[in-house]
Amino acid sequence: MAWRIEYSDTAVAQLRELDQRDARRLLEYGEELAGRGAPRQQGEALSGRLGELWKFPAGDKLLICDLRDRIDRIIVLRLGK
């Protein structure tokens, strides 16, 4: 089952700071990730106090996400390096 992807205000602001090609690449990756379903198989859980969040490598950036199983949503909270 496909998941839906949403972007926090912080992630949107970070995407706007990137050049258009890089931002588009990250958005396309997010759509692919959501469309494949089962995102935990494609990412890695963070550790420590951020252990409920997941990271997904997208080129030289990371999508830092909160996965909401009950509603099949990936919420991109911010971009990482």
PDB file of N, CA and C in Angstrom:
ATOM      1  N   MET A   1       0.839  -1.183   0.000  1.00  0.00           N
ATOM      2  CA  MET A   1       0.000   0.000   0.000  1.00  0.00           C
ATOM      3  C   MET A   1       0.884   1.247   0.000  1.00  0.00           C
ATOM      4  N   ALA A   2       0.555   2.193  -0.830  1.00  0.00           N
ATOM      5  CA  ALA A   2       1.325   3.437  -0.924  1.00  0.00           C
ATOM      6  C   ALA A   2       1.052   4.336   0.271  1.00  0.00           C
ATOM      7  N   TRP A   3       2.086   5.013   0.711  1.00  0.00           N
ATOM      8  CA  TRP A   3       1.975   5.984   1.779  1.00  0.00           C
ATOM      9  C   TRP A   3       1.844   7.365   1.147  1.00  0.00           C
ATOM     10  N   ARG A   4       1.469   8.330   1.951  1.00  0.00           N
ATOM     11  CA  ARG A   4       1.448   9.722   1.502  1.00  0.00           C
ATOM     12  C   ARG A   4       2.626  10.430   2.140  1.00  0.00           C
ATOM     13  N   ILE A   5       3.116  11.449   1.483  1.00  0.00           N
ATOM     14  CA  ILE A   5       4.236  12.216   2.036  1.00  0.00           C
ATOM     15  C   ILE A   5       3.815  13.663   2.231  1.00  0.00           C
ATOM     16  N   GLU A   6       4.240  14.226   3.356  1.00  0.00           N
ATOM     17  CA  GLU A   6       3.964  15.623   3.685  1.00  0.00           C
ATOM     18  C   GLU A   6       5.275  16.260   4.113  1.00  0.00           C
ATOM     19  N   TYR A   7       5.362  17.568   3.989  1.00  0.00           N
ATOM     20  CA  TYR A   7       6.564  18.307   4.345  1.00  0.00           C
ATOM     21  C   TYR A   7       6.230  19.362   5.389  1.00  0.00           C
ATOM     22  N   SER A   8       7.031  19.412   6.447  1.00  0.00           N
ATOM     23  CA  SER A   8       6.839  20.427   7.480  1.00  0.00           C
ATOM     24  C   SER A   8       7.235  21.792   6.915  1.00  0.00           C
ATOM     25  N   ASP A   9       6.848  22.848   7.612  1.00  0.00           N
ATOM     26  CA  ASP A   9       7.225  24.197   7.189  1.00  0.00           C
ATOM     27  C   ASP A   9       8.748  24.344   7.136  1.00  0.00           C
ATOM     28  N   THR A  10       9.440  23.729   8.095  1.00  0.00           N
ATOM     29  CA  THR A  10      10.905  23.781   8.119  1.00  0.00           C
ATOM     30  C   THR A  10      11.490  23.117   6.879  1.00  0.00           C
ATOM     31  N   ALA A  11      10.983  21.932   6.526  1.00  0.00           N
ATOM     32  CA  ALA A  11      11.482  21.222   5.340  1.00  0.00           C
ATOM     33  C   ALA A  11      11.204  22.031   4.074  1.00  0.00           C
ATOM     34  N   VAL A  12      10.046  22.634   3.979  1.00  0.00           N
ATOM     35  CA  VAL A  12       9.712  23.447   2.805  1.00  0.00           C
ATOM     36  C   VAL A  12      10.677  24.628   2.699  1.00  0.00           C
ATOM     37  N   ALA A  13      10.955  25.286   3.818  1.00  0.00           N
ATOM     38  CA  ALA A  13      11.893  26.413   3.810  1.00  0.00           C
ATOM     39  C   ALA A  13      13.281  25.949   3.378  1.00  0.00           C
ATOM     40  N   GLN A  14      13.715  24.791   3.847  1.00  0.00           N
ATOM     41  CA  GLN A  14      15.019  24.266   3.446  1.00  0.00           C
ATOM     42  C   GLN A  14      15.043  23.911   1.962  1.00  0.00           C
ATOM     43  N   LEU A  15      13.964  23.360   1.453  1.00  0.00           N
ATOM     44  CA  LEU A  15      13.884  23.049   0.024  1.00  0.00           C
ATOM     45  C   LEU A  15      13.974  24.319  -0.823  1.00  0.00           C
ATOM     46  N   ARG A  16      13.359  25.388  -0.353  1.00  0.00           N
ATOM     47  CA  ARG A  16      13.385  26.657  -1.100  1.00  0.00           C
ATOM     48  C   ARG A  16      14.781  27.261  -1.152  1.00  0.00           C
ATOM     49  N   GLU A  17      15.633  26.908  -0.191  1.00  0.00           N
ATOM     50  CA  GLU A  17      17.001  27.429  -0.175  1.00  0.00           C
ATOM     51  C   GLU A  17      17.903  26.708  -1.187  1.00  0.00           C
ATOM     52  N   LEU A  18      17.489  25.539  -1.637  1.00  0.00           N
ATOM     53  CA  LEU A  18      18.280  24.760  -2.591  1.00  0.00           C
ATOM     54  C   LEU A  18      18.049  25.257  -4.000  1.00  0.00           C
ATOM     55  N   ASP A  19      18.971  24.902  -4.904  1.00  0.00           N
ATOM     56  CA  ASP A  19      18.695  25.237  -6.294  1.00  0.00           C
ATOM     57  C   ASP A  19      17.539  24.351  -6.772  1.00  0.00           C
ATOM     58  N   GLN A  20      16.890  24.801  -7.820  1.00  0.00           N
ATOM     59  CA  GLN A  20      15.653  24.161  -8.269  1.00  0.00           C
ATOM     60  C   GLN A  20      15.854  22.685  -8.617  1.00  0.00           C
ATOM     61  N   ARG A  21      16.969  22.348  -9.236  1.00  0.00           N
ATOM     62  CA  ARG A  21      17.216  20.965  -9.631  1.00  0.00           C
ATOM     63  C   ARG A  21      17.349  20.047  -8.411  1.00  0.00           C
ATOM     64  N   ASP A  22      18.104  20.494  -7.394  1.00  0.00           N
ATOM     65  CA  ASP A  22      18.262  19.673  -6.190  1.00  0.00           C
ATOM     66  C   ASP A  22      16.943  19.523  -5.442  1.00  0.00           C
ATOM     67  N   ALA A  23      16.187  20.613  -5.347  1.00  0.00           N
ATOM     68  CA  ALA A  23      14.892  20.551  -4.663  1.00  0.00           C
ATOM     69  C   ALA A  23      13.960  19.581  -5.382  1.00  0.00           C
ATOM     70  N   ARG A  24      13.929  19.642  -6.700  1.00  0.00           N
ATOM     71  CA  ARG A  24      13.070  18.748  -7.473  1.00  0.00           C
ATOM     72  C   ARG A  24      13.486  17.292  -7.262  1.00  0.00           C
ATOM     73  N   ARG A  25      14.796  17.049  -7.240  1.00  0.00           N
ATOM     74  CA  ARG A  25      15.310  15.684  -7.032  1.00  0.00           C
ATOM     75  C   ARG A  25      14.851  15.136  -5.677  1.00  0.00           C
ATOM     76  N   LEU A  26      14.904  15.964  -4.636  1.00  0.00           N
ATOM     77  CA  LEU A  26      14.473  15.517  -3.308  1.00  0.00           C
ATOM     78  C   LEU A  26      12.967  15.282  -3.261  1.00  0.00           C
ATOM     79  N   LEU A  27      12.203  16.142  -3.898  1.00  0.00           N
ATOM     80  CA  LEU A  27      10.752  15.951  -3.935  1.00  0.00           C
ATOM     81  C   LEU A  27      10.388  14.676  -4.692  1.00  0.00           C
ATOM     82  N   GLU A  28      11.056  14.422  -5.789  1.00  0.00           N
ATOM     83  CA  GLU A  28      10.795  13.196  -6.554  1.00  0.00           C
ATOM     84  C   GLU A  28      11.170  11.961  -5.741  1.00  0.00           C
ATOM     85  N   TYR A  29      12.288  12.043  -5.030  1.00  0.00           N
ATOM     86  CA  TYR A  29      12.683  10.918  -4.178  1.00  0.00           C
ATOM     87  C   TYR A  29      11.617  10.670  -3.105  1.00  0.00           C
ATOM     88  N   GLY A  30      11.105  11.728  -2.497  1.00  0.00           N
ATOM     89  CA  GLY A  30      10.063  11.579  -1.482  1.00  0.00           C
ATOM     90  C   GLY A  30       8.819  10.901  -2.044  1.00  0.00           C
ATOM     91  N   GLU A  31       8.427  11.284  -3.245  1.00  0.00           N
ATOM     92  CA  GLU A  31       7.261  10.656  -3.877  1.00  0.00           C
ATOM     93  C   GLU A  31       7.517   9.188  -4.172  1.00  0.00           C
ATOM     94  N   GLU A  32       8.722   8.864  -4.636  1.00  0.00           N
ATOM     95  CA  GLU A  32       9.072   7.458  -4.884  1.00  0.00           C
ATOM     96  C   GLU A  32       9.053   6.656  -3.582  1.00  0.00           C
ATOM     97  N   LEU A  33       9.609   7.228  -2.544  1.00  0.00           N
ATOM     98  CA  LEU A  33       9.644   6.564  -1.245  1.00  0.00           C
ATOM     99  C   LEU A  33       8.229   6.252  -0.753  1.00  0.00           C
ATOM    100  N   ALA A  34       7.349   7.220  -0.855  1.00  0.00           N
ATOM    101  CA  ALA A  34       5.971   7.021  -0.409  1.00  0.00           C
ATOM    102  C   ALA A  34       5.258   5.999  -1.292  1.00  0.00           C
ATOM    103  N   GLY A  35       5.509   6.033  -2.587  1.00  0.00           N
ATOM    104  CA  GLY A  35       4.837   5.140  -3.510  1.00  0.00           C
ATOM    105  C   GLY A  35       5.222   3.677  -3.344  1.00  0.00           C
ATOM    106  N   ARG A  36       6.437   3.440  -2.879  1.00  0.00           N
ATOM    107  CA  ARG A  36       6.888   2.058  -2.698  1.00  0.00           C
ATOM    108  C   ARG A  36       6.262   1.383  -1.490  1.00  0.00           C
ATOM    109  N   GLY A  37       5.822   2.157  -0.504  1.00  0.00           N
ATOM    110  CA  GLY A  37       5.300   1.575   0.732  1.00  0.00           C
ATOM    111  C   GLY A  37       6.421   0.988   1.574  1.00  0.00           C
ATOM    112  N   ALA A  38       6.123   0.551   2.767  1.00  0.00           N
ATOM    113  CA  ALA A  38       7.095  -0.054   3.694  1.00  0.00           C
ATOM    114  C   ALA A  38       8.368   0.782   3.802  1.00  0.00           C
ATOM    115  N   PRO A  39       8.270   2.063   4.195  1.00  0.00           N
ATOM    116  CA  PRO A  39       9.453   2.925   4.207  1.00  0.00           C
ATOM    117  C   PRO A  39      10.545   2.474   5.182  1.00  0.00           C
ATOM    118  N   ARG A  40      10.193   1.765   6.226  1.00  0.00           N
ATOM    119  CA  ARG A  40      11.217   1.332   7.183  1.00  0.00           C
ATOM    120  C   ARG A  40      12.245   0.403   6.549  1.00  0.00           C
ATOM    121  N   GLN A  41      11.880  -0.275   5.493  1.00  0.00           N
ATOM    122  CA  GLN A  41      12.821  -1.160   4.801  1.00  0.00           C
ATOM    123  C   GLN A  41      13.835  -0.368   3.970  1.00  0.00           C
ATOM    124  N   GLN A  42      13.563   0.901   3.759  1.00  0.00           N
ATOM    125  CA  GLN A  42      14.411   1.713   2.892  1.00  0.00           C
ATOM    126  C   GLN A  42      15.218   2.759   3.652  1.00  0.00           C
ATOM    127  N   GLY A  43      14.909   2.934   4.935  1.00  0.00           N
ATOM    128  CA  GLY A  43      15.591   3.951   5.718  1.00  0.00           C
ATOM    129  C   GLY A  43      16.292   3.363   6.910  1.00  0.00           C
ATOM    130  N   GLU A  44      16.724   4.247   7.792  1.00  0.00           N
ATOM    131  CA  GLU A  44      17.437   3.840   8.999  1.00  0.00           C
ATOM    132  C   GLU A  44      16.924   4.674  10.165  1.00  0.00           C
ATOM    133  N   ALA A  45      16.618   4.012  11.264  1.00  0.00           N
ATOM    134  CA  ALA A  45      16.152   4.719  12.454  1.00  0.00           C
ATOM    135  C   ALA A  45      17.288   5.544  13.039  1.00  0.00           C
ATOM    136  N   LEU A  46      16.958   6.728  13.524  1.00  0.00           N
ATOM    137  CA  LEU A  46      17.942   7.522  14.243  1.00  0.00           C
ATOM    138  C   LEU A  46      18.087   6.949  15.648  1.00  0.00           C
ATOM    139  N   SER A  47      19.094   7.374  16.362  1.00  0.00           N
ATOM    140  CA  SER A  47      19.311   6.844  17.705  1.00  0.00           C
ATOM    141  C   SER A  47      19.246   7.966  18.734  1.00  0.00           C
ATOM    142  N   GLY A  48      19.317   7.581  19.983  1.00  0.00           N
ATOM    143  CA  GLY A  48      19.296   8.562  21.065  1.00  0.00           C
ATOM    144  C   GLY A  48      17.939   9.213  21.209  1.00  0.00           C
ATOM    145  N   ARG A  49      17.965  10.481  21.531  1.00  0.00           N
ATOM    146  CA  ARG A  49      16.695  11.190  21.786  1.00  0.00           C
ATOM    147  C   ARG A  49      15.857  11.367  20.532  1.00  0.00           C
ATOM    148  N   LEU A  50      16.447  11.139  19.373  1.00  0.00           N
ATOM    149  CA  LEU A  50      15.709  11.224  18.106  1.00  0.00           C
ATOM    150  C   LEU A  50      15.331   9.847  17.580  1.00  0.00           C
ATOM    151  N   GLY A  51      15.348   8.846  18.442  1.00  0.00           N
ATOM    152  CA  GLY A  51      15.147   7.463  18.043  1.00  0.00           C
ATOM    153  C   GLY A  51      13.808   7.134  17.414  1.00  0.00           C
ATOM    154  N   GLU A  52      12.837   8.019  17.510  1.00  0.00           N
ATOM    155  CA  GLU A  52      11.541   7.763  16.877  1.00  0.00           C
ATOM    156  C   GLU A  52      11.517   8.252  15.423  1.00  0.00           C
ATOM    157  N   LEU A  53      12.576   8.926  15.004  1.00  0.00           N
ATOM    158  CA  LEU A  53      12.636   9.474  13.653  1.00  0.00           C
ATOM    159  C   LEU A  53      13.478   8.576  12.761  1.00  0.00           C
ATOM    160  N   TRP A  54      13.308   8.779  11.461  1.00  0.00           N
ATOM    161  CA  TRP A  54      13.998   7.961  10.460  1.00  0.00           C
ATOM    162  C   TRP A  54      14.725   8.857   9.482  1.00  0.00           C
ATOM    163  N   LYS A  55      15.839   8.340   8.934  1.00  0.00           N
ATOM    164  CA  LYS A  55      16.562   9.079   7.898  1.00  0.00           C
ATOM    165  C   LYS A  55      16.585   8.262   6.618  1.00  0.00           C
ATOM    166  N   PHE A  56      16.459   8.986   5.522  1.00  0.00           N
ATOM    167  CA  PHE A  56      16.448   8.378   4.202  1.00  0.00           C
ATOM    168  C   PHE A  56      17.451   9.133   3.335  1.00  0.00           C
ATOM    169  N   PRO A  57      18.498   8.445   2.873  1.00  0.00           N
ATOM    170  CA  PRO A  57      19.499   9.122   2.050  1.00  0.00           C
ATOM    171  C   PRO A  57      18.954   9.450   0.661  1.00  0.00           C
ATOM    172  N   ALA A  58      19.206  10.676   0.250  1.00  0.00           N
ATOM    173  CA  ALA A  58      18.781  11.131  -1.080  1.00  0.00           C
ATOM    174  C   ALA A  58      19.942  11.923  -1.670  1.00  0.00           C
ATOM    175  N   GLY A  59      20.866  11.221  -2.305  1.00  0.00           N
ATOM    176  CA  GLY A  59      22.063  11.887  -2.822  1.00  0.00           C
ATOM    177  C   GLY A  59      22.933  12.354  -1.667  1.00  0.00           C
ATOM    178  N   ASP A  60      23.286  13.634  -1.676  1.00  0.00           N
ATOM    179  CA  ASP A  60      24.135  14.178  -0.620  1.00  0.00           C
ATOM    180  C   ASP A  60      23.317  14.754   0.542  1.00  0.00           C
ATOM    181  N   LYS A  61      22.026  14.558   0.528  1.00  0.00           N
ATOM    182  CA  LYS A  61      21.131  15.032   1.598  1.00  0.00           C
ATOM    183  C   LYS A  61      20.424  13.854   2.249  1.00  0.00           C
ATOM    184  N   LEU A  62      19.844  14.120   3.399  1.00  0.00           N
ATOM    185  CA  LEU A  62      18.996  13.146   4.095  1.00  0.00           C
ATOM    186  C   LEU A  62      17.618  13.748   4.281  1.00  0.00           C
ATOM    187  N   LEU A  63      16.604  12.935   4.150  1.00  0.00           N
ATOM    188  CA  LEU A  63      15.270  13.350   4.568  1.00  0.00           C
ATOM    189  C   LEU A  63      15.095  12.819   5.989  1.00  0.00           C
ATOM    190  N   ILE A  64      14.868  13.703   6.935  1.00  0.00           N
ATOM    191  CA  ILE A  64      14.625  13.318   8.323  1.00  0.00           C
ATOM    192  C   ILE A  64      13.112  13.303   8.511  1.00  0.00           C
ATOM    193  N   CYS A  65      12.585  12.116   8.840  1.00  0.00           N
ATOM    194  CA  CYS A  65      11.136  11.919   8.766  1.00  0.00           C
ATOM    195  C   CYS A  65      10.556  11.298  10.031  1.00  0.00           C
ATOM    196  N   ASP A  66       9.283  11.577  10.217  1.00  0.00           N
ATOM    197  CA  ASP A  66       8.463  10.916  11.220  1.00  0.00           C
ATOM    198  C   ASP A  66       7.510  10.007  10.447  1.00  0.00           C
ATOM    199  N   LEU A  67       7.491   8.740  10.781  1.00  0.00           N
ATOM    200  CA  LEU A  67       6.610   7.792  10.088  1.00  0.00           C
ATOM    201  C   LEU A  67       5.364   7.562  10.927  1.00  0.00           C
ATOM    202  N   ARG A  68       4.216   7.761  10.340  1.00  0.00           N
ATOM    203  CA  ARG A  68       2.936   7.593  11.033  1.00  0.00           C
ATOM    204  C   ARG A  68       2.230   6.370  10.462  1.00  0.00           C
ATOM    205  N   ASP A  69       2.381   5.246  11.144  1.00  0.00           N
ATOM    206  CA  ASP A  69       1.844   3.978  10.637  1.00  0.00           C
ATOM    207  C   ASP A  69       0.327   3.957  10.527  1.00  0.00           C
ATOM    208  N   ARG A  70      -0.354   4.478  11.520  1.00  0.00           N
ATOM    209  CA  ARG A  70      -1.822   4.382  11.528  1.00  0.00           C
ATOM    210  C   ARG A  70      -2.466   5.049  10.318  1.00  0.00           C
ATOM    211  N   ILE A  71      -1.819   6.104   9.826  1.00  0.00           N
ATOM    212  CA  ILE A  71      -2.415   6.832   8.701  1.00  0.00           C
ATOM    213  C   ILE A  71      -1.550   6.746   7.438  1.00  0.00           C
ATOM    214  N   ASP A  72      -0.542   5.870   7.443  1.00  0.00           N
ATOM    215  CA  ASP A  72       0.336   5.665   6.284  1.00  0.00           C
ATOM    216  C   ASP A  72       0.880   6.978   5.735  1.00  0.00           C
ATOM    217  N   ARG A  73       1.537   7.723   6.615  1.00  0.00           N
ATOM    218  CA  ARG A  73       2.108   9.033   6.224  1.00  0.00           C
ATOM    219  C   ARG A  73       3.584   9.089   6.550  1.00  0.00           C
ATOM    220  N   ILE A  74       4.327   9.684   5.665  1.00  0.00           N
ATOM    221  CA  ILE A  74       5.720  10.045   5.901  1.00  0.00           C
ATOM    222  C   ILE A  74       5.729  11.566   6.020  1.00  0.00           C
ATOM    223  N   ILE A  75       6.182  12.059   7.149  1.00  0.00           N
ATOM    224  CA  ILE A  75       6.244  13.505   7.338  1.00  0.00           C
ATOM    225  C   ILE A  75       7.713  13.900   7.368  1.00  0.00           C
ATOM    226  N   VAL A  76       8.129  14.641   6.351  1.00  0.00           N
ATOM    227  CA  VAL A  76       9.503  15.112   6.282  1.00  0.00           C
ATOM    228  C   VAL A  76       9.611  16.323   7.213  1.00  0.00           C
ATOM    229  N   LEU A  77      10.407  16.181   8.264  1.00  0.00           N
ATOM    230  CA  LEU A  77      10.540  17.260   9.231  1.00  0.00           C
ATOM    231  C   LEU A  77      11.612  18.260   8.832  1.00  0.00           C
ATOM    232  N   ARG A  78      12.708  17.741   8.266  1.00  0.00           N
ATOM    233  CA  ARG A  78      13.808  18.612   7.853  1.00  0.00           C
ATOM    234  C   ARG A  78      14.752  17.859   6.939  1.00  0.00           C
ATOM    235  N   LEU A  79      15.664  18.587   6.353  1.00  0.00           N
ATOM    236  CA  LEU A  79      16.713  17.995   5.534  1.00  0.00           C
ATOM    237  C   LEU A  79      17.974  17.922   6.371  1.00  0.00           C
ATOM    238  N   GLY A  80      18.778  16.914   6.126  1.00  0.00           N
ATOM    239  CA  GLY A  80      20.049  16.773   6.829  1.00  0.00           C
ATOM    240  C   GLY A  80      21.175  16.591   5.827  1.00  0.00           C
ATOM    241  N   LYS A  81      22.394  16.591   6.354  1.00  0.00           N
ATOM    242  CA  LYS A  81      23.578  16.406   5.495  1.00  0.00           C
ATOM    243  C   LYS A  81      24.163  15.041   5.711  1.00  0.00           C
TER     244      LYS A  81
END
